[in-house]
Every structure is written in C-alpha cells, then in structure tokens.
Amino acid sequence: MKESLLKSMRYGQILDMMYLSNSGEITKRRIKVFKIYGDSFQAFCFLRMTKRTFKVDNVLALIPVERKESRVI
C-alpha cells in the first residue's frame, strides 16, 4: 500500500481510498497525497475539504482517479 501512496505522490495522482477509521467505520474518500512519514501520511481530503493525516495500515483500497479531458470543437 505504501508503494502506491509513494507513486501517487510522485505523479500528483488523485486517489479514491477506502479507509477504516479508528472507531471501525469504513469510509470512501478522494485524496491527494502530500507527505508520507513512518506509518502515516498527510493528504488533502476532498470529503472534508482540508488536509488530514491517515494511517497507512488503515487503508483498505486505493484506486487512481482517471481524468478525462473534454474537447471543445
């Protein structure tokens, strides 16, 4: 999981993340990773619209968000 986070941070990729909170609740969040340190990482959370700190071990799944370009003719 940490490798995927590092790769997304390197390329500025936005991710959809399934996350297990400390209270046991599973949430889906859209994030952009800024910093990884130890067993945690800091990311912008589009659900809360602020920077948040997450635990790597609590990440259940990561899916890159595909950006589709719209063309105007």
PDB file of N, CA and C in Angstrom:
ATOM      1  N   MET A   1       0.832  -1.188   0.000  1.00  0.00           N
ATOM      2  CA  MET A   1       0.000   0.000   0.000  1.00  0.00           C
ATOM      3  C   MET A   1       0.878   1.254   0.000  1.00  0.00           C
ATOM      4  N   LYS A   2       1.978   1.202   0.757  1.00  0.00           N
ATOM      5  CA  LYS A   2       2.855   2.361   0.851  1.00  0.00           C
ATOM      6  C   LYS A   2       3.463   2.708  -0.507  1.00  0.00           C
ATOM      7  N   GLU A   3       3.767   1.682  -1.306  1.00  0.00           N
ATOM      8  CA  GLU A   3       4.329   1.909  -2.641  1.00  0.00           C
ATOM      9  C   GLU A   3       3.339   2.675  -3.529  1.00  0.00           C
ATOM     10  N   SER A   4       2.073   2.319  -3.449  1.00  0.00           N
ATOM     11  CA  SER A   4       1.038   3.006  -4.228  1.00  0.00           C
ATOM     12  C   SER A   4       0.896   4.458  -3.791  1.00  0.00           C
ATOM     13  N   LEU A   5       1.006   4.701  -2.498  1.00  0.00           N
ATOM     14  CA  LEU A   5       0.933   6.065  -1.988  1.00  0.00           C
ATOM     15  C   LEU A   5       2.121   6.891  -2.462  1.00  0.00           C
ATOM     16  N   LEU A   6       3.323   6.289  -2.420  1.00  0.00           N
ATOM     17  CA  LEU A   6       4.523   6.988  -2.892  1.00  0.00           C
ATOM     18  C   LEU A   6       4.419   7.337  -4.374  1.00  0.00           C
ATOM     19  N   LYS A   7       3.937   6.379  -5.164  1.00  0.00           N
ATOM     20  CA  LYS A   7       3.799   6.599  -6.601  1.00  0.00           C
ATOM     21  C   LYS A   7       2.787   7.706  -6.890  1.00  0.00           C
ATOM     22  N   SER A   8       1.660   7.703  -6.188  1.00  0.00           N
ATOM     23  CA  SER A   8       0.643   8.728  -6.413  1.00  0.00           C
ATOM     24  C   SER A   8       1.153  10.107  -6.002  1.00  0.00           C
ATOM     25  N   MET A   9       1.962  10.156  -4.948  1.00  0.00           N
ATOM     26  CA  MET A   9       2.528  11.432  -4.515  1.00  0.00           C
ATOM     27  C   MET A   9       3.527  11.949  -5.553  1.00  0.00           C
ATOM     28  N   ARG A  10       4.351  11.059  -6.070  1.00  0.00           N
ATOM     29  CA  ARG A  10       5.369  11.426  -7.059  1.00  0.00           C
ATOM     30  C   ARG A  10       4.736  12.026  -8.316  1.00  0.00           C
ATOM     31  N   TYR A  11       3.613  11.451  -8.765  1.00  0.00           N
ATOM     32  CA  TYR A  11       2.982  11.891 -10.007  1.00  0.00           C
ATOM     33  C   TYR A  11       1.803  12.844  -9.800  1.00  0.00           C
ATOM     34  N   GLY A  12       1.496  13.196  -8.534  1.00  0.00           N
ATOM     35  CA  GLY A  12       0.395  14.116  -8.261  1.00  0.00           C
ATOM     36  C   GLY A  12      -0.968  13.523  -8.580  1.00  0.00           C
ATOM     37  N   GLN A  13      -1.076  12.204  -8.469  1.00  0.00           N
ATOM     38  CA  GLN A  13      -2.307  11.481  -8.805  1.00  0.00           C
ATOM     39  C   GLN A  13      -3.342  11.605  -7.683  1.00  0.00           C
ATOM     40  N   ILE A  14      -4.580  11.803  -8.055  1.00  0.00           N
ATOM     41  CA  ILE A  14      -5.694  11.799  -7.100  1.00  0.00           C
ATOM     42  C   ILE A  14      -6.191  10.361  -6.969  1.00  0.00           C
ATOM     43  N   LEU A  15      -6.511   9.958  -5.740  1.00  0.00           N
ATOM     44  CA  LEU A  15      -6.922   8.581  -5.463  1.00  0.00           C
ATOM     45  C   LEU A  15      -8.285   8.533  -4.786  1.00  0.00           C
ATOM     46  N   ASP A  16      -9.034   7.471  -5.072  1.00  0.00           N
ATOM     47  CA  ASP A  16     -10.190   7.116  -4.260  1.00  0.00           C
ATOM     48  C   ASP A  16      -9.694   6.088  -3.257  1.00  0.00           C
ATOM     49  N   MET A  17     -10.008   6.292  -1.996  1.00  0.00           N
ATOM     50  CA  MET A  17      -9.487   5.445  -0.932  1.00  0.00           C
ATOM     51  C   MET A  17     -10.626   4.915  -0.075  1.00  0.00           C
ATOM     52  N   MET A  18     -10.572   3.633   0.219  1.00  0.00           N
ATOM     53  CA  MET A  18     -11.448   3.033   1.227  1.00  0.00           C
ATOM     54  C   MET A  18     -10.623   2.998   2.503  1.00  0.00           C
ATOM     55  N   TYR A  19     -11.170   3.573   3.585  1.00  0.00           N
ATOM     56  CA  TYR A  19     -10.392   3.767   4.801  1.00  0.00           C
ATOM     57  C   TYR A  19     -11.165   3.294   6.023  1.00  0.00           C
ATOM     58  N   LEU A  20     -10.468   2.614   6.918  1.00  0.00           N
ATOM     59  CA  LEU A  20     -11.051   2.138   8.171  1.00  0.00           C
ATOM     60  C   LEU A  20     -10.648   3.103   9.278  1.00  0.00           C
ATOM     61  N   SER A  21     -11.620   3.802   9.849  1.00  0.00           N
ATOM     62  CA  SER A  21     -11.312   4.771  10.912  1.00  0.00           C
ATOM     63  C   SER A  21     -10.997   4.039  12.215  1.00  0.00           C
ATOM     64  N   ASN A  22     -10.465   4.776  13.166  1.00  0.00           N
ATOM     65  CA  ASN A  22     -10.139   4.183  14.470  1.00  0.00           C
ATOM     66  C   ASN A  22     -11.384   3.665  15.190  1.00  0.00           C
ATOM     67  N   SER A  23     -12.545   4.243  14.872  1.00  0.00           N
ATOM     68  CA  SER A  23     -13.789   3.798  15.506  1.00  0.00           C
ATOM     69  C   SER A  23     -14.401   2.584  14.809  1.00  0.00           C
ATOM     70  N   GLY A  24     -13.771   2.125  13.698  1.00  0.00           N
ATOM     71  CA  GLY A  24     -14.254   0.943  13.000  1.00  0.00           C
ATOM     72  C   GLY A  24     -15.161   1.237  11.820  1.00  0.00           C
ATOM     73  N   GLU A  25     -15.360   2.507  11.509  1.00  0.00           N
ATOM     74  CA  GLU A  25     -16.221   2.903  10.388  1.00  0.00           C
ATOM     75  C   GLU A  25     -15.413   2.893   9.087  1.00  0.00           C
ATOM     76  N   ILE A  26     -16.008   2.355   8.033  1.00  0.00           N
ATOM     77  CA  ILE A  26     -15.369   2.344   6.722  1.00  0.00           C
ATOM     78  C   ILE A  26     -15.922   3.507   5.903  1.00  0.00           C
ATOM     79  N   THR A  27     -15.004   4.331   5.365  1.00  0.00           N
ATOM     80  CA  THR A  27     -15.413   5.472   4.566  1.00  0.00           C
ATOM     81  C   THR A  27     -14.693   5.459   3.231  1.00  0.00           C
ATOM     82  N   LYS A  28     -15.324   6.089   2.238  1.00  0.00           N
ATOM     83  CA  LYS A  28     -14.695   6.280   0.938  1.00  0.00           C
ATOM     84  C   LYS A  28     -14.320   7.746   0.836  1.00  0.00           C
ATOM     85  N   ARG A  29     -13.061   7.988   0.514  1.00  0.00           N
ATOM     86  CA  ARG A  29     -12.571   9.357   0.432  1.00  0.00           C
ATOM     87  C   ARG A  29     -11.773   9.549  -0.846  1.00  0.00           C
ATOM     88  N   ARG A  30     -11.815  10.749  -1.385  1.00  0.00           N
ATOM     89  CA  ARG A  30     -10.971  11.123  -2.519  1.00  0.00           C
ATOM     90  C   ARG A  30      -9.843  11.967  -1.934  1.00  0.00           C
ATOM     91  N   ILE A  31      -8.600  11.556  -2.214  1.00  0.00           N
ATOM     92  CA  ILE A  31      -7.455  12.220  -1.594  1.00  0.00           C
ATOM     93  C   ILE A  31      -6.362  12.551  -2.610  1.00  0.00           C
ATOM     94  N   LYS A  32      -5.488  13.468  -2.196  1.00  0.00           N
ATOM     95  CA  LYS A  32      -4.254  13.757  -2.921  1.00  0.00           C
ATOM     96  C   LYS A  32      -3.140  13.769  -1.880  1.00  0.00           C
ATOM     97  N   VAL A  33      -2.188  12.844  -2.002  1.00  0.00           N
ATOM     98  CA  VAL A  33      -1.134  12.651  -1.008  1.00  0.00           C
ATOM     99  C   VAL A  33      -0.083  13.750  -1.120  1.00  0.00           C
ATOM    100  N   PHE A  34       0.307  14.326   0.035  1.00  0.00           N
ATOM    101  CA  PHE A  34       1.329  15.368   0.087  1.00  0.00           C
ATOM    102  C   PHE A  34       2.629  14.878   0.711  1.00  0.00           C
ATOM    103  N   LYS A  35       2.513  14.079   1.790  1.00  0.00           N
ATOM    104  CA  LYS A  35       3.690  13.723   2.566  1.00  0.00           C
ATOM    105  C   LYS A  35       3.486  12.358   3.213  1.00  0.00           C
ATOM    106  N   ILE A  36       4.537  11.538   3.190  1.00  0.00           N
ATOM    107  CA  ILE A  36       4.488  10.231   3.842  1.00  0.00           C
ATOM    108  C   ILE A  36       5.610  10.185   4.871  1.00  0.00           C
ATOM    109  N   TYR A  37       5.261   9.800   6.079  1.00  0.00           N
ATOM    110  CA  TYR A  37       6.271   9.704   7.140  1.00  0.00           C
ATOM    111  C   TYR A  37       5.919   8.540   8.055  1.00  0.00           C
ATOM    112  N   GLY A  38       6.860   7.610   8.182  1.00  0.00           N
ATOM    113  CA  GLY A  38       6.646   6.442   9.041  1.00  0.00           C
ATOM    114  C   GLY A  38       5.448   5.626   8.597  1.00  0.00           C
ATOM    115  N   ASP A  39       4.512   5.418   9.510  1.00  0.00           N
ATOM    116  CA  ASP A  39       3.307   4.637   9.229  1.00  0.00           C
ATOM    117  C   ASP A  39       2.097   5.516   8.943  1.00  0.00           C
ATOM    118  N   SER A  40       2.327   6.806   8.704  1.00  0.00           N
ATOM    119  CA  SER A  40       1.234   7.743   8.445  1.00  0.00           C
ATOM    120  C   SER A  40       1.523   8.543   7.178  1.00  0.00           C
ATOM    121  N   PHE A  41       0.487   9.197   6.676  1.00  0.00           N
ATOM    122  CA  PHE A  41       0.672  10.097   5.542  1.00  0.00           C
ATOM    123  C   PHE A  41      -0.312  11.249   5.638  1.00  0.00           C
ATOM    124  N   GLN A  42       0.080  12.364   5.043  1.00  0.00           N
ATOM    125  CA  GLN A  42      -0.766  13.542   5.021  1.00  0.00           C
ATOM    126  C   GLN A  42      -1.297  13.721   3.607  1.00  0.00           C
ATOM    127  N   ALA A  43      -2.584  13.997   3.508  1.00  0.00           N
ATOM    128  CA  ALA A  43      -3.222  14.154   2.207  1.00  0.00           C
ATOM    129  C   ALA A  43      -4.336  15.181   2.300  1.00  0.00           C
ATOM    130  N   PHE A  44      -4.662  15.773   1.152  1.00  0.00           N
ATOM    131  CA  PHE A  44      -5.837  16.625   1.081  1.00  0.00           C
ATOM    132  C   PHE A  44      -7.035  15.717   0.898  1.00  0.00           C
ATOM    133  N   CYS A  45      -8.017  15.830   1.773  1.00  0.00           N
ATOM    134  CA  CYS A  45      -9.229  15.018   1.720  1.00  0.00           C
ATOM    135  C   CYS A  45     -10.343  15.862   1.092  1.00  0.00           C
ATOM    136  N   PHE A  46     -10.838  15.420  -0.067  1.00  0.00           N
ATOM    137  CA  PHE A  46     -11.892  16.159  -0.764  1.00  0.00           C
ATOM    138  C   PHE A  46     -13.245  16.006  -0.073  1.00  0.00           C
ATOM    139  N   LEU A  47     -13.402  14.992   0.781  1.00  0.00           N
ATOM    140  CA  LEU A  47     -14.637  14.822   1.547  1.00  0.00           C
ATOM    141  C   LEU A  47     -14.751  15.913   2.621  1.00  0.00           C
ATOM    142  N   ARG A  48     -13.675  16.147   3.344  1.00  0.00           N
ATOM    143  CA  ARG A  48     -13.645  17.150   4.416  1.00  0.00           C
ATOM    144  C   ARG A  48     -13.134  18.511   3.944  1.00  0.00           C
ATOM    145  N   MET A  49     -12.565  18.550   2.716  1.00  0.00           N
ATOM    146  CA  MET A  49     -12.013  19.773   2.124  1.00  0.00           C
ATOM    147  C   MET A  49     -10.916  20.403   2.982  1.00  0.00           C
ATOM    148  N   THR A  50     -10.032  19.554   3.506  1.00  0.00           N
ATOM    149  CA  THR A  50      -8.914  20.004   4.323  1.00  0.00           C
ATOM    150  C   THR A  50      -7.817  18.948   4.329  1.00  0.00           C
ATOM    151  N   LYS A  51      -6.631  19.316   4.794  1.00  0.00           N
ATOM    152  CA  LYS A  51      -5.548  18.345   4.942  1.00  0.00           C
ATOM    153  C   LYS A  51      -5.847  17.453   6.134  1.00  0.00           C
ATOM    154  N   ARG A  52      -5.600  16.157   5.953  1.00  0.00           N
ATOM    155  CA  ARG A  52      -5.844  15.196   7.027  1.00  0.00           C
ATOM    156  C   ARG A  52      -4.651  14.251   7.119  1.00  0.00           C
ATOM    157  N   THR A  53      -4.474  13.636   8.268  1.00  0.00           N
ATOM    158  CA  THR A  53      -3.435  12.630   8.469  1.00  0.00           C
ATOM    159  C   THR A  53      -4.109  11.273   8.588  1.00  0.00           C
ATOM    160  N   PHE A  54      -3.599  10.301   7.827  1.00  0.00           N
ATOM    161  CA  PHE A  54      -4.155   8.945   7.798  1.00  0.00           C
ATOM    162  C   PHE A  54      -3.081   7.936   8.159  1.00  0.00           C
ATOM    163  N   LYS A  55      -3.493   6.788   8.675  1.00  0.00           N
ATOM    164  CA  LYS A  55      -2.574   5.688   8.963  1.00  0.00           C
ATOM    165  C   LYS A  55      -2.526   4.754   7.758  1.00  0.00           C
ATOM    166  N   VAL A  56      -1.324   4.406   7.327  1.00  0.00           N
ATOM    167  CA  VAL A  56      -1.153   3.517   6.171  1.00  0.00           C
ATOM    168  C   VAL A  56      -1.844   2.171   6.424  1.00  0.00           C
ATOM    169  N   ASP A  57      -1.746   1.654   7.639  1.00  0.00           N
ATOM    170  CA  ASP A  57      -2.327   0.347   7.966  1.00  0.00           C
ATOM    171  C   ASP A  57      -3.854   0.336   7.901  1.00  0.00           C
ATOM    172  N   ASN A  58      -4.495   1.500   7.960  1.00  0.00           N
ATOM    173  CA  ASN A  58      -5.956   1.578   7.926  1.00  0.00           C
ATOM    174  C   ASN A  58      -6.516   1.743   6.516  1.00  0.00           C
ATOM    175  N   VAL A  59      -5.632   1.851   5.524  1.00  0.00           N
ATOM    176  CA  VAL A  59      -6.077   1.964   4.133  1.00  0.00           C
ATOM    177  C   VAL A  59      -6.470   0.575   3.639  1.00  0.00           C
ATOM    178  N   LEU A  60      -7.708   0.430   3.192  1.00  0.00           N
ATOM    179  CA  LEU A  60      -8.202  -0.865   2.716  1.00  0.00           C
ATOM    180  C   LEU A  60      -8.009  -1.023   1.209  1.00  0.00           C
ATOM    181  N   ALA A  61      -8.153   0.079   0.451  1.00  0.00           N
ATOM    182  CA  ALA A  61      -8.015   0.024  -1.006  1.00  0.00           C
ATOM    183  C   ALA A  61      -7.701   1.410  -1.551  1.00  0.00           C
ATOM    184  N   LEU A  62      -6.952   1.417  -2.653  1.00  0.00           N
ATOM    185  CA  LEU A  62      -6.640   2.660  -3.368  1.00  0.00           C
ATOM    186  C   LEU A  62      -6.928   2.456  -4.841  1.00  0.00           C
ATOM    187  N   ILE A  63      -7.629   3.417  -5.438  1.00  0.00           N
ATOM    188  CA  ILE A  63      -7.938   3.359  -6.871  1.00  0.00           C
ATOM    189  C   ILE A  63      -7.609   4.720  -7.474  1.00  0.00           C
ATOM    190  N   PRO A  64      -6.709   4.755  -8.460  1.00  0.00           N
ATOM    191  CA  PRO A  64      -6.404   6.040  -9.113  1.00  0.00           C
ATOM    192  C   PRO A  64      -7.629   6.594  -9.829  1.00  0.00           C
ATOM    193  N   VAL A  65      -7.813   7.902  -9.748  1.00  0.00           N
ATOM    194  CA  VAL A  65      -8.917   8.569 -10.424  1.00  0.00           C
ATOM    195  C   VAL A  65      -8.444   8.929 -11.827  1.00  0.00           C
ATOM    196  N   GLU A  66      -9.194   8.477 -12.814  1.00  0.00           N
ATOM    197  CA  GLU A  66      -8.869   8.771 -14.210  1.00  0.00           C
ATOM    198  C   GLU A  66      -9.436  10.136 -14.565  1.00  0.00           C
ATOM    199  N   ARG A  67      -8.582  10.988 -15.086  1.00  0.00           N
ATOM    200  CA  ARG A  67      -9.038  12.303 -15.530  1.00  0.00           C
ATOM    201  C   ARG A  67      -9.341  12.218 -17.021  1.00  0.00           C
ATOM    202  N   LYS A  68     -10.552  12.552 -17.378  1.00  0.00           N
ATOM    203  CA  LYS A  68     -10.953  12.537 -18.776  1.00  0.00           C
ATOM    204  C   LYS A  68     -10.986  13.958 -19.287  1.00  0.00           C
ATOM    205  N   GLU A  69     -10.295  14.173 -20.382  1.00  0.00           N
ATOM    206  CA  GLU A  69     -10.270  15.508 -20.977  1.00  0.00           C
ATOM    207  C   GLU A  69     -11.500  15.702 -21.832  1.00  0.00           C
ATOM    208  N   SER A  70     -12.075  16.877 -21.716  1.00  0.00           N
ATOM    209  CA  SER A  70     -13.207  17.193 -22.594  1.00  0.00           C
ATOM    210  C   SER A  70     -12.687  18.071 -23.724  1.00  0.00           C
ATOM    211  N   ARG A  71     -13.148  17.779 -24.890  1.00  0.00           N
ATOM    212  CA  ARG A  71     -12.692  18.520 -26.072  1.00  0.00           C
ATOM    213  C   ARG A  71     -13.808  19.415 -26.572  1.00  0.00           C
ATOM    214  N   VAL A  72     -13.448  20.622 -26.880  1.00  0.00           N
ATOM    215  CA  VAL A  72     -14.408  21.555 -27.450  1.00  0.00           C
ATOM    216  C   VAL A  72     -14.046  21.722 -28.917  1.00  0.00           C
ATOM    217  N   ILE A  73     -15.016  21.506 -29.775  1.00  0.00           N
ATOM    218  CA  ILE A  73     -14.759  21.587 -31.227  1.00  0.00           C
ATOM    219  C   ILE A  73     -15.433  22.828 -31.777  1.00  0.00           C
TER     220      ILE A  73
END
